[in-house]
Amino acid sequence: MPEQEPLLEWVERVAMYLARDGVPPIAGRVLGWLMVCDPPEQSAGQISTAIGASRASLTSNLRLLSGMGFLTWRTRPGERTVYYRMAEDAWAVVARKQIEGITSFLDITHDGLALVGPDDERAARVRQAHATFEWMAKVFDNAPPLRPGPHGGEEERKP
């Protein structure tokens, strides 16, 4: 298994990156593994063996990643085994959900400003959040659309 060591080290880097945003390490390892594994569809048993996770902890993390839009799953005719893979355009789908969340939070901060009043000392904290999320929404509204490049990645953006 020495040839798999660099892959597993990379998988761990993915997990630690995502952990900064609150994604459980096992979910991050699953995601990293499914990004680089061959074949691209893997059973829970295969994933468990590859990343060294217990089947019990794996089940809840597979459910979490599926709910977030990262994974899809299927069974094969005549088999009871479930196979998982990265969802088509998973990263773009998840990013769009996060961008939609920005708009939702803008509605909440707007209501918060109306609730405490514009001159209340507490309004400054709400205004700061509102201004930040308003800025992010404008950035995303003005961003060029994502276009897949020749190898499935994003093309270089042209002004």
Protein backbone atom coordinates (compact mmCIF):
# COMPACT_ATOMS: atom_id res chain seq x y z
CA MET A 1 0.00 0.00 0.00
CA PRO A 2 2.99 2.42 -0.10
CA GLU A 3 1.87 3.78 -3.51
CA GLN A 4 -1.42 4.81 -1.88
CA GLU A 5 0.32 6.83 0.84
CA PRO A 6 0.59 10.08 -1.17
CA LEU A 7 -3.11 9.81 -2.05
CA LEU A 8 -4.07 9.32 1.59
CA GLU A 9 -1.86 12.24 2.62
CA TRP A 10 -3.70 14.41 0.08
CA VAL A 11 -7.06 13.10 1.35
CA GLU A 12 -6.01 14.16 4.85
CA ARG A 13 -5.17 17.64 3.58
CA VAL A 14 -8.69 17.88 2.11
CA ALA A 15 -10.15 16.77 5.45
CA MET A 16 -8.14 19.31 7.45
CA TYR A 17 -9.05 22.11 5.04
CA LEU A 18 -12.76 21.35 5.34
CA ALA A 19 -12.50 20.90 9.13
CA ARG A 20 -11.76 24.65 9.37
CA ASP A 21 -15.37 25.19 8.27
CA GLY A 22 -16.80 22.65 10.69
CA VAL A 23 -16.92 19.61 8.39
CA PRO A 24 -16.17 16.50 10.48
CA PRO A 25 -12.75 15.02 9.61
CA ILE A 26 -14.25 11.70 8.52
CA ALA A 27 -16.62 13.48 6.11
CA GLY A 28 -13.63 15.40 4.75
CA ARG A 29 -11.69 12.17 4.29
CA VAL A 30 -14.63 10.55 2.49
CA LEU A 31 -14.91 13.53 0.19
CA GLY A 32 -11.18 13.63 -0.48
CA TRP A 33 -11.12 9.89 -1.16
CA LEU A 34 -14.05 10.01 -3.56
CA MET A 35 -12.31 12.81 -5.46
CA VAL A 36 -9.30 10.62 -6.28
CA CYS A 37 -10.30 6.96 -5.91
CA ASP A 38 -10.43 4.42 -8.71
CA PRO A 39 -13.03 3.24 -9.49
CA PRO A 40 -14.97 6.46 -8.86
CA GLU A 41 -17.88 4.53 -7.30
CA GLN A 42 -17.07 2.95 -3.94
CA SER A 43 -19.03 0.95 -1.38
CA ALA A 44 -19.02 1.99 2.27
CA GLY A 45 -16.75 -0.99 2.93
CA GLN A 46 -14.24 0.14 0.31
CA ILE A 47 -14.28 3.70 1.64
CA SER A 48 -13.96 2.48 5.23
CA THR A 49 -10.93 0.36 4.36
CA ALA A 50 -9.28 3.13 2.36
CA ILE A 51 -9.59 5.91 4.95
CA GLY A 52 -9.50 3.76 8.08
CA ALA A 53 -12.90 4.79 9.44
CA SER A 54 -15.40 2.62 11.28
CA ARG A 55 -18.53 1.68 9.37
CA ALA A 56 -20.72 3.29 12.06
CA SER A 57 -19.06 6.71 11.80
CA LEU A 58 -18.93 6.39 8.03
CA THR A 59 -22.70 5.96 7.68
CA SER A 60 -23.59 9.27 9.30
CA ASN A 61 -20.88 11.10 7.35
CA LEU A 62 -22.02 9.62 4.03
CA ARG A 63 -25.55 10.80 4.86
CA LEU A 64 -24.21 14.28 5.74
CA LEU A 65 -22.27 14.60 2.48
CA SER A 66 -25.23 13.34 0.44
CA GLY A 67 -27.50 15.89 2.11
CA MET A 68 -25.02 18.67 1.40
CA GLY A 69 -25.09 17.76 -2.31
CA PHE A 70 -21.56 16.34 -2.55
CA LEU A 71 -22.43 12.68 -3.09
CA THR A 72 -24.85 10.52 -5.01
CA TRP A 73 -25.42 6.84 -4.46
CA ARG A 74 -26.90 3.87 -6.26
CA THR A 75 -27.27 0.13 -6.10
CA ARG A 76 -26.49 -2.30 -8.89
CA PRO A 77 -28.99 -4.83 -10.20
CA GLY A 78 -28.95 -7.99 -8.10
CA GLU A 79 -26.81 -6.42 -5.34
CA ARG A 80 -27.72 -4.93 -1.97
CA THR A 81 -24.50 -2.91 -1.73
CA VAL A 82 -24.79 0.87 -2.04
CA TYR A 83 -22.12 2.63 -4.08
CA TYR A 84 -21.19 6.28 -3.54
CA ARG A 85 -19.57 8.76 -5.88
CA MET A 86 -19.05 12.50 -6.20
CA ALA A 87 -22.18 14.18 -7.50
CA GLU A 88 -22.00 15.74 -10.94
CA ASP A 89 -20.84 19.36 -10.50
CA ALA A 90 -20.77 18.78 -6.72
CA TRP A 91 -18.60 21.79 -5.91
CA ALA A 92 -20.65 24.18 -8.05
CA VAL A 93 -23.91 22.89 -6.54
CA VAL A 94 -22.63 23.28 -2.98
CA ALA A 95 -21.21 26.74 -3.74
CA ARG A 96 -24.57 27.83 -5.19
CA LYS A 97 -26.32 26.67 -2.00
CA GLN A 98 -23.88 28.72 0.07
CA ILE A 99 -24.43 31.77 -2.12
CA GLU A 100 -28.20 31.37 -1.70
CA GLY A 101 -27.58 31.28 2.05
CA ILE A 102 -25.98 34.73 1.81
CA THR A 103 -29.21 36.14 0.39
CA SER A 104 -31.21 34.47 3.15
CA PHE A 105 -28.98 35.97 5.81
CA LEU A 106 -29.36 39.41 4.23
CA ASP A 107 -33.11 39.11 4.85
CA ILE A 108 -32.41 38.22 8.48
CA THR A 109 -30.02 41.13 9.04
CA HIS A 110 -32.50 43.50 7.37
CA ASP A 111 -35.18 42.34 9.81
CA GLY A 112 -32.72 42.68 12.69
CA LEU A 113 -32.05 46.31 11.80
CA ALA A 114 -35.78 46.99 11.70
CA LEU A 115 -36.22 45.24 15.05
CA VAL A 116 -33.57 47.11 17.05
CA GLY A 117 -33.85 50.42 15.21
CA PRO A 118 -31.14 52.11 13.14
CA ASP A 119 -29.83 54.27 16.00
CA ASP A 120 -29.64 51.60 18.68
CA GLU A 121 -26.12 50.66 19.78
CA ARG A 122 -26.88 47.02 18.89
CA ALA A 123 -27.63 48.04 15.30
CA ALA A 124 -23.91 48.61 14.64
CA ARG A 125 -23.20 44.89 15.04
CA VAL A 126 -26.12 43.93 12.83
CA ARG A 127 -25.14 46.60 10.26
CA GLN A 128 -21.61 45.18 10.11
CA ALA A 129 -22.96 41.71 9.33
CA HIS A 130 -25.44 43.13 6.84
CA ALA A 131 -22.77 45.16 5.04
CA THR A 132 -20.45 42.14 4.80
CA PHE A 133 -23.12 39.83 3.41
CA GLU A 134 -24.41 42.55 1.07
CA TRP A 135 -20.88 42.96 -0.30
CA MET A 136 -20.52 39.18 -0.82
CA ALA A 137 -23.90 39.02 -2.58
CA LYS A 138 -22.82 41.80 -4.98
CA VAL A 139 -19.51 40.06 -5.70
CA PHE A 140 -21.31 36.84 -6.58
CA ASP A 141 -24.00 38.64 -8.59
CA ASN A 142 -21.29 40.25 -10.73
CA ALA A 143 -19.10 37.15 -11.10
CA PRO A 144 -18.84 35.60 -14.56
CA PRO A 145 -20.50 32.20 -14.89
CA LEU A 146 -18.45 29.10 -14.17
CA ARG A 147 -17.45 27.36 -17.38
CA PRO A 148 -15.87 23.92 -17.26
CA GLY A 149 -12.47 23.70 -18.88
CA PRO A 150 -11.19 20.93 -21.15
CA HIS A 151 -10.24 18.65 -18.23
CA GLY A 152 -13.34 19.18 -16.11
CA GLY A 153 -11.82 22.11 -14.22
CA GLU A 154 -12.66 25.74 -14.53
CA GLU A 155 -11.45 27.56 -17.63
CA GLU A 156 -9.21 30.53 -17.22
CA ARG A 157 -11.46 33.55 -16.82
CA LYS A 158 -11.13 36.17 -19.52
CA PRO A 159 -11.95 39.82 -18.78
